[in-house]
């Protein structure tokens, strides 16, 4: 076999292996999201797939454990981004309605607290202390709900500027929590 033929075969082998790996990762994502949305009515299958596929690392996930860590990190990124967004809203709008400012301050506090919770959740996850990780992820779900509910305390027409972000945080946290629960159940 001449050198150009072997080089061509080597390239084809690499391409085939890469495509096979991507195909496996896509099936893993789809199956995981199917299981998540089946066990939790708050999780949209399409949102789950789009969220996990949005992270380039998920395309190389070899198993549910790797996908779970990626899911937690996607959620952490979302929470950090939402925290920064709340800061921007407070800094750029100095003449906010007092109730709106109070709600945003509360949301900032809640989201800021969750950032340290992620460090602990990731540490627990990597140490395979899935039950401890589960508790921390549950508190993150509560944070998004607490933030959104704050705007509904008064019936004065104030609309939360964070509704979409809170819903995304809730779903992303629910996906991560669902994966952790799958891992807990697989350890039984």
N, C-alpha and C. Protein backbone atom coordinates (compact mmCIF):
# COMPACT_ATOMS: atom_id res chain seq x y z
N UNK A 1 0.85 -1.16 0.00
CA UNK A 1 0.00 0.00 0.00
C UNK A 1 0.90 1.24 0.00
N UNK A 2 0.61 2.17 -0.88
CA UNK A 2 1.45 3.36 -0.93
C UNK A 2 1.12 4.31 0.23
N UNK A 3 2.02 5.24 0.55
CA UNK A 3 1.84 6.13 1.71
C UNK A 3 0.57 6.98 1.62
N UNK A 4 0.20 7.42 0.43
CA UNK A 4 -1.00 8.26 0.33
C UNK A 4 -2.26 7.44 0.62
N UNK A 5 -2.27 6.16 0.24
CA UNK A 5 -3.42 5.30 0.53
C UNK A 5 -3.54 5.05 2.03
N UNK A 6 -2.43 4.78 2.69
CA UNK A 6 -2.50 4.53 4.13
C UNK A 6 -2.88 5.81 4.88
N UNK A 7 -2.41 6.94 4.41
CA UNK A 7 -2.79 8.21 5.03
C UNK A 7 -4.29 8.45 4.85
N UNK A 8 -4.81 8.13 3.67
CA UNK A 8 -6.24 8.28 3.40
C UNK A 8 -7.07 7.36 4.30
N UNK A 9 -6.63 6.10 4.43
CA UNK A 9 -7.34 5.15 5.29
C UNK A 9 -7.29 5.58 6.76
N UNK A 10 -6.15 6.11 7.18
CA UNK A 10 -6.03 6.59 8.55
C UNK A 10 -7.01 7.74 8.79
N UNK A 11 -7.08 8.67 7.85
CA UNK A 11 -8.00 9.81 7.96
C UNK A 11 -9.43 9.32 8.00
N UNK A 12 -9.78 8.37 7.15
CA UNK A 12 -11.14 7.82 7.16
C UNK A 12 -11.47 7.15 8.49
N UNK A 13 -10.50 6.44 9.04
CA UNK A 13 -10.70 5.77 10.33
C UNK A 13 -10.96 6.80 11.42
N UNK A 14 -10.18 7.87 11.43
CA UNK A 14 -10.36 8.94 12.42
C UNK A 14 -11.75 9.56 12.27
N UNK A 15 -12.15 9.86 11.06
CA UNK A 15 -13.47 10.45 10.80
C UNK A 15 -14.57 9.51 11.26
N UNK A 16 -14.45 8.24 10.92
CA UNK A 16 -15.45 7.25 11.31
C UNK A 16 -15.56 7.16 12.83
N UNK A 17 -14.42 7.10 13.50
CA UNK A 17 -14.43 7.01 14.98
C UNK A 17 -15.05 8.26 15.60
N UNK A 18 -14.74 9.41 15.03
CA UNK A 18 -15.30 10.66 15.55
C UNK A 18 -16.81 10.70 15.36
N UNK A 19 -17.28 10.28 14.19
CA UNK A 19 -18.71 10.27 13.92
C UNK A 19 -19.42 9.26 14.82
N UNK A 20 -18.79 8.12 15.03
CA UNK A 20 -19.37 7.10 15.91
C UNK A 20 -19.49 7.64 17.33
N UNK A 21 -18.44 8.34 17.78
CA UNK A 21 -18.44 8.92 19.12
C UNK A 21 -19.53 9.98 19.25
N UNK A 22 -19.68 10.83 18.24
CA UNK A 22 -20.72 11.85 18.24
C UNK A 22 -22.11 11.21 18.24
N UNK A 23 -22.25 10.16 17.47
CA UNK A 23 -23.53 9.45 17.41
C UNK A 23 -23.89 8.87 18.77
N UNK A 24 -22.91 8.30 19.46
CA UNK A 24 -23.16 7.74 20.79
C UNK A 24 -23.55 8.84 21.76
N UNK A 25 -22.82 9.97 21.71
CA UNK A 25 -23.11 11.08 22.63
C UNK A 25 -24.51 11.63 22.36
N UNK A 26 -24.89 11.74 21.10
CA UNK A 26 -26.23 12.23 20.78
C UNK A 26 -27.30 11.28 21.29
N UNK A 27 -27.07 9.98 21.15
CA UNK A 27 -28.03 9.00 21.67
C UNK A 27 -28.09 9.06 23.19
N UNK A 28 -26.94 9.25 23.82
CA UNK A 28 -26.90 9.38 25.27
C UNK A 28 -27.70 10.59 25.73
N UNK A 29 -27.52 11.71 25.06
CA UNK A 29 -28.26 12.93 25.39
C UNK A 29 -29.75 12.70 25.18
N UNK A 30 -30.12 12.15 24.04
CA UNK A 30 -31.54 11.93 23.74
C UNK A 30 -32.18 10.97 24.73
N UNK A 31 -31.51 9.88 25.05
CA UNK A 31 -32.07 8.91 25.99
C UNK A 31 -32.16 9.51 27.39
N UNK A 32 -31.15 10.24 27.78
CA UNK A 32 -31.15 10.88 29.10
C UNK A 32 -32.30 11.88 29.19
N UNK A 33 -32.46 12.70 28.17
CA UNK A 33 -33.54 13.70 28.17
C UNK A 33 -34.91 13.04 28.12
N UNK A 34 -35.00 11.92 27.42
CA UNK A 34 -36.27 11.18 27.38
C UNK A 34 -36.61 10.69 28.79
N UNK A 35 -35.62 10.14 29.49
CA UNK A 35 -35.84 9.68 30.86
C UNK A 35 -36.15 10.83 31.80
N UNK A 36 -35.44 11.93 31.65
CA UNK A 36 -35.67 13.10 32.51
C UNK A 36 -37.09 13.64 32.33
N UNK A 37 -37.50 13.81 31.08
CA UNK A 37 -38.83 14.40 30.82
C UNK A 37 -39.95 13.43 31.17
N UNK A 38 -39.64 12.13 31.15
CA UNK A 38 -40.65 11.14 31.52
C UNK A 38 -40.87 11.12 33.03
N UNK A 39 -39.80 11.31 33.80
CA UNK A 39 -39.92 11.23 35.26
C UNK A 39 -40.24 12.57 35.90
N UNK A 40 -40.05 13.68 35.19
CA UNK A 40 -40.33 15.00 35.75
C UNK A 40 -41.11 15.84 34.74
N UNK A 41 -42.38 16.12 35.01
CA UNK A 41 -43.20 16.88 34.06
C UNK A 41 -42.73 18.32 33.88
N UNK A 42 -41.83 18.80 34.75
CA UNK A 42 -41.31 20.16 34.62
C UNK A 42 -40.19 20.26 33.58
N UNK A 43 -39.74 19.12 33.08
CA UNK A 43 -38.63 19.11 32.13
C UNK A 43 -39.16 18.89 30.72
N UNK A 44 -38.84 19.81 29.85
CA UNK A 44 -39.18 19.69 28.44
C UNK A 44 -38.07 18.90 27.74
N UNK A 45 -38.46 17.86 27.02
CA UNK A 45 -37.49 17.05 26.28
C UNK A 45 -36.66 17.94 25.35
N UNK A 46 -37.32 18.79 24.57
CA UNK A 46 -36.60 19.63 23.60
C UNK A 46 -35.64 20.60 24.29
N UNK A 47 -36.09 21.19 25.40
CA UNK A 47 -35.22 22.09 26.17
C UNK A 47 -34.00 21.33 26.67
N UNK A 48 -34.23 20.15 27.18
CA UNK A 48 -33.16 19.31 27.71
C UNK A 48 -32.12 19.00 26.63
N UNK A 49 -32.58 18.52 25.49
CA UNK A 49 -31.66 18.18 24.40
C UNK A 49 -30.89 19.42 23.95
N UNK A 50 -31.60 20.52 23.72
CA UNK A 50 -30.95 21.75 23.25
C UNK A 50 -29.93 22.24 24.28
N UNK A 51 -30.27 22.16 25.55
CA UNK A 51 -29.35 22.63 26.60
C UNK A 51 -28.09 21.79 26.65
N UNK A 52 -28.26 20.47 26.67
CA UNK A 52 -27.09 19.60 26.75
C UNK A 52 -26.25 19.67 25.47
N UNK A 53 -26.90 19.76 24.33
CA UNK A 53 -26.15 19.85 23.07
C UNK A 53 -25.44 21.19 22.91
N UNK A 54 -25.87 22.20 23.66
CA UNK A 54 -25.26 23.53 23.53
C UNK A 54 -23.84 23.56 24.10
N UNK A 55 -23.51 22.58 24.90
CA UNK A 55 -22.17 22.52 25.48
C UNK A 55 -21.34 21.53 24.67
N UNK A 56 -20.24 22.02 24.12
CA UNK A 56 -19.42 21.16 23.23
C UNK A 56 -18.89 19.92 23.96
N UNK A 57 -18.72 19.98 25.26
CA UNK A 57 -18.20 18.81 25.99
C UNK A 57 -19.20 17.65 25.98
N UNK A 58 -20.48 17.98 25.91
CA UNK A 58 -21.49 16.91 25.94
C UNK A 58 -21.40 16.03 24.70
N UNK A 59 -20.85 16.56 23.62
CA UNK A 59 -20.71 15.78 22.39
C UNK A 59 -19.69 14.65 22.54
N UNK A 60 -18.93 14.71 23.63
CA UNK A 60 -17.91 13.69 23.87
C UNK A 60 -18.17 12.91 25.16
N UNK A 61 -19.33 13.11 25.75
CA UNK A 61 -19.67 12.39 26.99
C UNK A 61 -19.76 10.90 26.69
N UNK A 62 -19.11 10.12 27.53
CA UNK A 62 -19.07 8.67 27.32
C UNK A 62 -20.13 7.94 28.13
N UNK A 63 -20.66 8.64 29.17
CA UNK A 63 -21.63 7.97 30.03
C UNK A 63 -22.48 9.00 30.76
N UNK A 64 -23.44 8.51 31.50
CA UNK A 64 -24.36 9.37 32.23
C UNK A 64 -23.63 10.20 33.28
N UNK A 65 -22.63 9.64 33.90
CA UNK A 65 -21.87 10.36 34.92
C UNK A 65 -21.20 11.61 34.34
N UNK A 66 -20.58 11.48 33.18
CA UNK A 66 -19.95 12.64 32.53
C UNK A 66 -21.02 13.66 32.12
N UNK A 67 -22.13 13.18 31.60
CA UNK A 67 -23.20 14.07 31.17
C UNK A 67 -23.80 14.82 32.37
N UNK A 68 -23.87 14.16 33.51
CA UNK A 68 -24.39 14.79 34.72
C UNK A 68 -23.54 15.96 35.16
N UNK A 69 -22.23 15.78 35.15
CA UNK A 69 -21.33 16.87 35.54
C UNK A 69 -21.46 18.03 34.56
N UNK A 70 -21.56 17.73 33.29
CA UNK A 70 -21.75 18.77 32.28
C UNK A 70 -23.06 19.52 32.54
N UNK A 71 -24.09 18.79 32.88
CA UNK A 71 -25.39 19.40 33.17
C UNK A 71 -25.30 20.36 34.36
N UNK A 72 -24.61 19.95 35.40
CA UNK A 72 -24.44 20.82 36.57
C UNK A 72 -23.67 22.08 36.18
N UNK A 73 -22.64 21.92 35.37
CA UNK A 73 -21.84 23.08 34.96
C UNK A 73 -22.63 24.02 34.04
N UNK A 74 -23.50 23.47 33.20
CA UNK A 74 -24.37 24.32 32.37
C UNK A 74 -25.29 25.14 33.28
N UNK A 75 -25.83 24.50 34.30
CA UNK A 75 -26.71 25.19 35.24
C UNK A 75 -25.94 26.27 36.00
N UNK A 76 -24.73 25.95 36.43
CA UNK A 76 -23.89 26.94 37.13
C UNK A 76 -23.64 28.15 36.25
N UNK A 77 -23.34 27.92 34.98
CA UNK A 77 -23.12 29.04 34.05
C UNK A 77 -24.38 29.90 33.94
N UNK A 78 -25.53 29.25 33.85
CA UNK A 78 -26.79 29.98 33.75
C UNK A 78 -27.02 30.84 35.00
N UNK A 79 -26.77 30.27 36.17
CA UNK A 79 -26.96 31.00 37.43
C UNK A 79 -25.98 32.18 37.52
N UNK A 80 -24.73 31.97 37.15
CA UNK A 80 -23.74 33.05 37.17
C UNK A 80 -24.13 34.16 36.22
N UNK A 81 -24.61 33.79 35.05
CA UNK A 81 -25.04 34.77 34.05
C UNK A 81 -26.27 35.55 34.56
N UNK A 82 -27.20 34.86 35.18
CA UNK A 82 -28.39 35.51 35.73
C UNK A 82 -28.00 36.46 36.86
N UNK A 83 -27.08 36.04 37.69
CA UNK A 83 -26.58 36.88 38.78
C UNK A 83 -25.99 38.19 38.21
N UNK A 84 -25.18 38.07 37.16
CA UNK A 84 -24.59 39.25 36.52
C UNK A 84 -25.68 40.13 35.90
N UNK A 85 -26.68 39.51 35.31
CA UNK A 85 -27.78 40.25 34.69
C UNK A 85 -28.55 41.06 35.74
N UNK A 86 -28.79 40.46 36.90
CA UNK A 86 -29.50 41.16 37.97
C UNK A 86 -28.66 42.35 38.44
N UNK A 87 -27.35 42.15 38.58
CA UNK A 87 -26.46 43.25 38.94
C UNK A 87 -26.56 44.39 37.94
N UNK A 88 -26.56 44.04 36.64
CA UNK A 88 -26.67 45.06 35.59
C UNK A 88 -28.00 45.81 35.69
N UNK A 89 -29.08 45.08 35.92
CA UNK A 89 -30.39 45.74 36.04
C UNK A 89 -30.39 46.74 37.20
N UNK A 90 -29.80 46.35 38.32
CA UNK A 90 -29.76 47.23 39.49
C UNK A 90 -28.85 48.44 39.27
N UNK A 91 -27.73 48.24 38.59
CA UNK A 91 -26.79 49.34 38.36
C UNK A 91 -27.26 50.31 37.30
N UNK A 92 -27.90 49.81 36.26
CA UNK A 92 -28.31 50.67 35.14
C UNK A 92 -29.64 51.37 35.37
N UNK A 93 -30.42 50.89 36.32
CA UNK A 93 -31.74 51.48 36.57
C UNK A 93 -31.82 52.00 38.00
N UNK A 94 -31.21 53.15 38.23
CA UNK A 94 -31.15 53.72 39.58
C UNK A 94 -32.52 54.20 40.07
N UNK A 95 -33.44 54.46 39.15
CA UNK A 95 -34.75 54.98 39.55
C UNK A 95 -35.83 53.91 39.46
N UNK A 96 -35.49 52.72 39.90
CA UNK A 96 -36.45 51.62 39.88
C UNK A 96 -37.56 51.84 40.90
N UNK A 97 -38.72 51.31 40.58
CA UNK A 97 -39.81 51.24 41.54
C UNK A 97 -39.26 50.55 42.80
N UNK A 98 -39.57 51.07 43.99
CA UNK A 98 -39.02 50.47 45.23
C UNK A 98 -39.32 48.97 45.37
N UNK A 99 -40.52 48.56 44.98
CA UNK A 99 -40.85 47.13 45.08
C UNK A 99 -40.00 46.31 44.11
N UNK A 100 -39.82 46.82 42.88
CA UNK A 100 -38.99 46.13 41.88
C UNK A 100 -37.55 46.03 42.38
N UNK A 101 -37.03 47.11 42.94
CA UNK A 101 -35.66 47.09 43.47
C UNK A 101 -35.54 46.08 44.60
N UNK A 102 -36.51 46.04 45.48
CA UNK A 102 -36.49 45.08 46.59
C UNK A 102 -36.49 43.64 46.07
N UNK A 103 -37.33 43.38 45.07
CA UNK A 103 -37.38 42.03 44.48
C UNK A 103 -36.06 41.67 43.82
N UNK A 104 -35.48 42.61 43.06
CA UNK A 104 -34.21 42.34 42.40
C UNK A 104 -33.09 42.13 43.42
N UNK A 105 -33.10 42.93 44.51
CA UNK A 105 -32.11 42.74 45.57
C UNK A 105 -32.25 41.34 46.19
N UNK A 106 -33.49 40.92 46.41
CA UNK A 106 -33.72 39.58 46.97
C UNK A 106 -33.23 38.50 46.02
N UNK A 107 -33.53 38.68 44.73
CA UNK A 107 -33.08 37.71 43.73
C UNK A 107 -31.56 37.66 43.66
N UNK A 108 -30.93 38.83 43.73
CA UNK A 108 -29.47 38.88 43.70
C UNK A 108 -28.88 38.11 44.87
N UNK A 109 -29.47 38.28 46.03
CA UNK A 109 -28.99 37.56 47.21
C UNK A 109 -29.16 36.05 47.05
N UNK A 110 -30.33 35.66 46.57
CA UNK A 110 -30.62 34.23 46.40
C UNK A 110 -29.69 33.61 45.36
N UNK A 111 -29.53 34.29 44.22
CA UNK A 111 -28.67 33.75 43.17
C UNK A 111 -27.20 33.77 43.60
N UNK A 112 -26.78 34.80 44.33
CA UNK A 112 -25.39 34.85 44.82
C UNK A 112 -25.10 33.68 45.75
N UNK A 113 -26.06 33.36 46.60
CA UNK A 113 -25.89 32.23 47.52
C UNK A 113 -25.74 30.91 46.77
N UNK A 114 -26.43 30.78 45.65
CA UNK A 114 -26.37 29.50 44.93
C UNK A 114 -25.02 29.26 44.27
N UNK A 115 -24.28 30.32 44.01
CA UNK A 115 -22.98 30.14 43.36
C UNK A 115 -22.05 29.33 44.25
N UNK A 116 -22.03 29.62 45.55
CA UNK A 116 -21.19 28.81 46.45
C UNK A 116 -21.77 27.40 46.60
N UNK A 117 -23.08 27.29 46.49
CA UNK A 117 -23.72 25.97 46.57
C UNK A 117 -23.23 25.07 45.43
N UNK A 118 -23.00 25.66 44.26
CA UNK A 118 -22.51 24.88 43.12
C UNK A 118 -21.15 24.28 43.40
N UNK A 119 -20.28 25.03 44.04
CA UNK A 119 -18.95 24.49 44.36
C UNK A 119 -19.09 23.22 45.19
N UNK A 120 -19.97 23.29 46.17
CA UNK A 120 -20.19 22.13 47.04
C UNK A 120 -20.85 20.98 46.26
N UNK A 121 -21.83 21.32 45.42
CA UNK A 121 -22.53 20.29 44.64
C UNK A 121 -21.56 19.56 43.70
N UNK A 122 -20.70 20.31 43.06
CA UNK A 122 -19.73 19.71 42.13
C UNK A 122 -18.73 18.85 42.90
N UNK A 123 -18.30 19.32 44.05
CA UNK A 123 -17.39 18.53 44.88
C UNK A 123 -18.06 17.21 45.29
N UNK A 124 -19.32 17.30 45.74
CA UNK A 124 -20.05 16.09 46.11
C UNK A 124 -20.22 15.16 44.92
N UNK A 125 -20.55 15.74 43.77
CA UNK A 125 -20.78 14.94 42.56
C UNK A 125 -19.51 14.18 42.18
N UNK A 126 -18.40 14.89 42.14
CA UNK A 126 -17.13 14.25 41.75
C UNK A 126 -16.72 13.16 42.75
N UNK A 127 -17.12 13.32 44.01
CA UNK A 127 -16.81 12.33 45.04
C UNK A 127 -17.86 11.22 45.08
N UNK A 128 -18.80 11.29 44.14
CA UNK A 128 -19.90 10.31 44.02
C UNK A 128 -20.81 10.30 45.26
N UNK A 129 -20.88 11.45 45.93
CA UNK A 129 -21.83 11.62 47.03
C UNK A 129 -23.10 12.24 46.42
N UNK A 130 -23.78 11.41 45.65
CA UNK A 130 -24.91 11.89 44.86
C UNK A 130 -26.08 12.37 45.72
N UNK A 131 -26.30 11.76 46.85
CA UNK A 131 -27.40 12.20 47.72
C UNK A 131 -27.14 13.60 48.25
N UNK A 132 -25.90 13.90 48.62
CA UNK A 132 -25.55 15.25 49.08
C UNK A 132 -25.67 16.25 47.93
N UNK A 133 -25.24 15.85 46.77
CA UNK A 133 -25.37 16.70 45.58
C UNK A 133 -26.84 16.98 45.29
N UNK A 134 -27.67 15.97 45.45
CA UNK A 134 -29.11 16.09 45.24
C UNK A 134 -29.69 17.20 46.10
N UNK A 135 -29.32 17.24 47.36
CA UNK A 135 -29.83 18.26 48.30
C UNK A 135 -29.43 19.66 47.82
N UNK A 136 -28.20 19.81 47.40
CA UNK A 136 -27.72 21.12 46.96
C UNK A 136 -28.41 21.56 45.67
N UNK A 137 -28.59 20.65 44.73
CA UNK A 137 -29.29 21.00 43.49
C UNK A 137 -30.74 21.36 43.77
N UNK A 138 -31.35 20.70 44.73
CA UNK A 138 -32.74 21.03 45.11
C UNK A 138 -32.84 22.46 45.62
N UNK A 139 -31.82 22.90 46.36
CA UNK A 139 -31.85 24.27 46.87
C UNK A 139 -31.71 25.28 45.74
N UNK A 140 -31.03 24.90 44.67
CA UNK A 140 -30.88 25.80 43.52
C UNK A 140 -32.22 25.94 42.80
N UNK A 141 -32.96 24.85 42.69
CA UNK A 141 -34.30 24.93 42.12
C UNK A 141 -35.15 25.88 42.95
N UNK A 142 -35.04 25.76 44.26
CA UNK A 142 -35.80 26.63 45.16
C UNK A 142 -35.43 28.10 44.96
N UNK A 143 -34.17 28.38 44.66
CA UNK A 143 -33.73 29.76 44.46
C UNK A 143 -34.45 30.43 43.30
N UNK A 144 -34.57 29.72 42.19
CA UNK A 144 -35.25 30.32 41.03
C UNK A 144 -36.72 30.55 41.31
N UNK A 145 -37.34 29.63 42.03
CA UNK A 145 -38.76 29.77 42.38
C UNK A 145 -38.95 30.90 43.38
N UNK A 146 -38.07 30.99 44.37
CA UNK A 146 -38.15 32.06 45.37
C UNK A 146 -38.02 33.42 44.71
N UNK A 147 -37.08 33.53 43.79
CA UNK A 147 -36.89 34.79 43.07
C UNK A 147 -38.16 35.17 42.32
N UNK A 148 -38.69 34.26 41.55
CA UNK A 148 -39.87 34.56 40.73
C UNK A 148 -41.09 34.87 41.61
N UNK A 149 -41.26 34.12 42.67
CA UNK A 149 -42.41 34.32 43.56
C UNK A 149 -42.37 35.68 44.25
N UNK A 150 -41.18 36.22 44.46
CA UNK A 150 -41.06 37.53 45.10
C UNK A 150 -41.79 38.62 44.33
N UNK A 151 -41.79 38.53 43.02
CA UNK A 151 -42.46 39.53 42.19
C UNK A 151 -43.97 39.41 42.26
N UNK A 152 -44.45 38.27 42.72
CA UNK A 152 -45.90 38.02 42.77
C UNK A 152 -46.50 38.34 44.14
N UNK A 153 -45.65 38.79 45.08
CA UNK A 153 -46.13 39.04 46.43
C UNK A 153 -47.18 40.15 46.48
N UNK A 154 -47.01 41.14 45.65
CA UNK A 154 -47.99 42.23 45.60
C UNK A 154 -48.69 42.16 44.25
N UNK A 155 -49.92 42.48 44.26
CA UNK A 155 -50.67 42.49 43.00
C UNK A 155 -50.72 43.92 42.48
N UNK A 156 -49.54 44.47 42.17
CA UNK A 156 -49.48 45.86 41.73
C UNK A 156 -49.01 46.00 40.27
N UNK A 157 -49.08 44.93 39.54
CA UNK A 157 -48.74 44.99 38.12
C UNK A 157 -47.26 44.92 37.81
N UNK A 158 -46.41 44.74 38.82
CA UNK A 158 -44.98 44.62 38.57
C UNK A 158 -44.72 43.25 37.94
N UNK A 159 -44.05 43.29 36.81
CA UNK A 159 -43.76 42.05 36.09
C UNK A 159 -42.27 41.74 36.26
N UNK A 160 -41.98 40.51 36.58
CA UNK A 160 -40.60 40.09 36.76
C UNK A 160 -39.83 40.18 35.45
N UNK A 161 -38.69 40.87 35.47
CA UNK A 161 -37.84 40.90 34.27
C UNK A 161 -36.98 39.64 34.18
N UNK A 162 -37.19 38.71 35.11
CA UNK A 162 -36.34 37.51 35.19
C UNK A 162 -37.10 36.22 34.92
N UNK A 163 -38.35 36.33 34.48
CA UNK A 163 -39.18 35.13 34.34
C UNK A 163 -38.52 34.06 33.47
N UNK A 164 -38.05 34.44 32.30
CA UNK A 164 -37.43 33.43 31.41
C UNK A 164 -36.17 32.85 32.05
N UNK A 165 -35.36 33.70 32.62
CA UNK A 165 -34.13 33.23 33.26
C UNK A 165 -34.44 32.30 34.43
N UNK A 166 -35.46 32.67 35.23
CA UNK A 166 -35.83 31.81 36.36
C UNK A 166 -36.37 30.47 35.87
N UNK A 167 -37.16 30.49 34.81
CA UNK A 167 -37.68 29.22 34.26
C UNK A 167 -36.55 28.36 33.72
N UNK A 168 -35.60 29.00 33.04
CA UNK A 168 -34.45 28.25 32.52
C UNK A 168 -33.62 27.65 33.65
N UNK A 169 -33.38 28.44 34.70
CA UNK A 169 -32.64 27.95 35.85
C UNK A 169 -33.37 26.77 36.49
N UNK A 170 -34.67 26.91 36.60
CA UNK A 170 -35.48 25.84 37.19
C UNK A 170 -35.33 24.56 36.37
N UNK A 171 -35.51 24.67 35.04
CA UNK A 171 -35.42 23.47 34.19
C UNK A 171 -34.02 22.88 34.16
N UNK A 172 -33.01 23.74 34.05
CA UNK A 172 -31.63 23.24 34.04
C UNK A 172 -31.29 22.52 35.35
N UNK A 173 -31.74 23.10 36.45
CA UNK A 173 -31.52 22.46 37.75
C UNK A 173 -32.27 21.14 37.84
N UNK A 174 -33.49 21.13 37.31
CA UNK A 174 -34.30 19.90 37.33
C UNK A 174 -33.64 18.81 36.49
N UNK A 175 -33.05 19.19 35.36
CA UNK A 175 -32.35 18.21 34.52
C UNK A 175 -31.16 17.63 35.28
N UNK A 176 -30.35 18.51 35.86
CA UNK A 176 -29.17 18.04 36.62
C UNK A 176 -29.62 17.14 37.78
N UNK A 177 -30.67 17.56 38.46
CA UNK A 177 -31.19 16.78 39.59
C UNK A 177 -31.71 15.41 39.13
N UNK A 178 -32.38 15.40 37.99
CA UNK A 178 -32.90 14.16 37.44
C UNK A 178 -31.77 13.19 37.10
N UNK A 179 -30.70 13.71 36.52
CA UNK A 179 -29.54 12.86 36.19
C UNK A 179 -28.91 12.32 37.47
N UNK A 180 -28.77 13.18 38.48
CA UNK A 180 -28.21 12.73 39.76
C UNK A 180 -29.09 11.63 40.35
N UNK A 181 -30.39 11.80 40.26
CA UNK A 181 -31.31 10.76 40.78
C UNK A 181 -31.17 9.45 40.00
N UNK A 182 -30.94 9.53 38.70
CA UNK A 182 -30.70 8.33 37.91
C UNK A 182 -29.45 7.61 38.40
N UNK A 183 -28.42 8.40 38.71
CA UNK A 183 -27.16 7.81 39.21
C UNK A 183 -27.37 7.21 40.60
N UNK A 184 -28.15 7.87 41.44
CA UNK A 184 -28.46 7.32 42.77
C UNK A 184 -29.17 5.99 42.61
N UNK A 185 -30.16 5.96 41.74
CA UNK A 185 -30.93 4.74 41.53
C UNK A 185 -30.13 3.62 40.89
N UNK A 186 -29.11 3.99 40.10
CA UNK A 186 -28.29 2.95 39.46
C UNK A 186 -27.29 2.35 40.45
N UNK A 187 -27.04 3.08 41.55
CA UNK A 187 -26.12 2.58 42.57
C UNK A 187 -26.78 1.60 43.53
N UNK A 188 -28.10 1.48 43.46
CA UNK A 188 -28.82 0.60 44.39
C UNK A 188 -28.58 -0.86 44.11
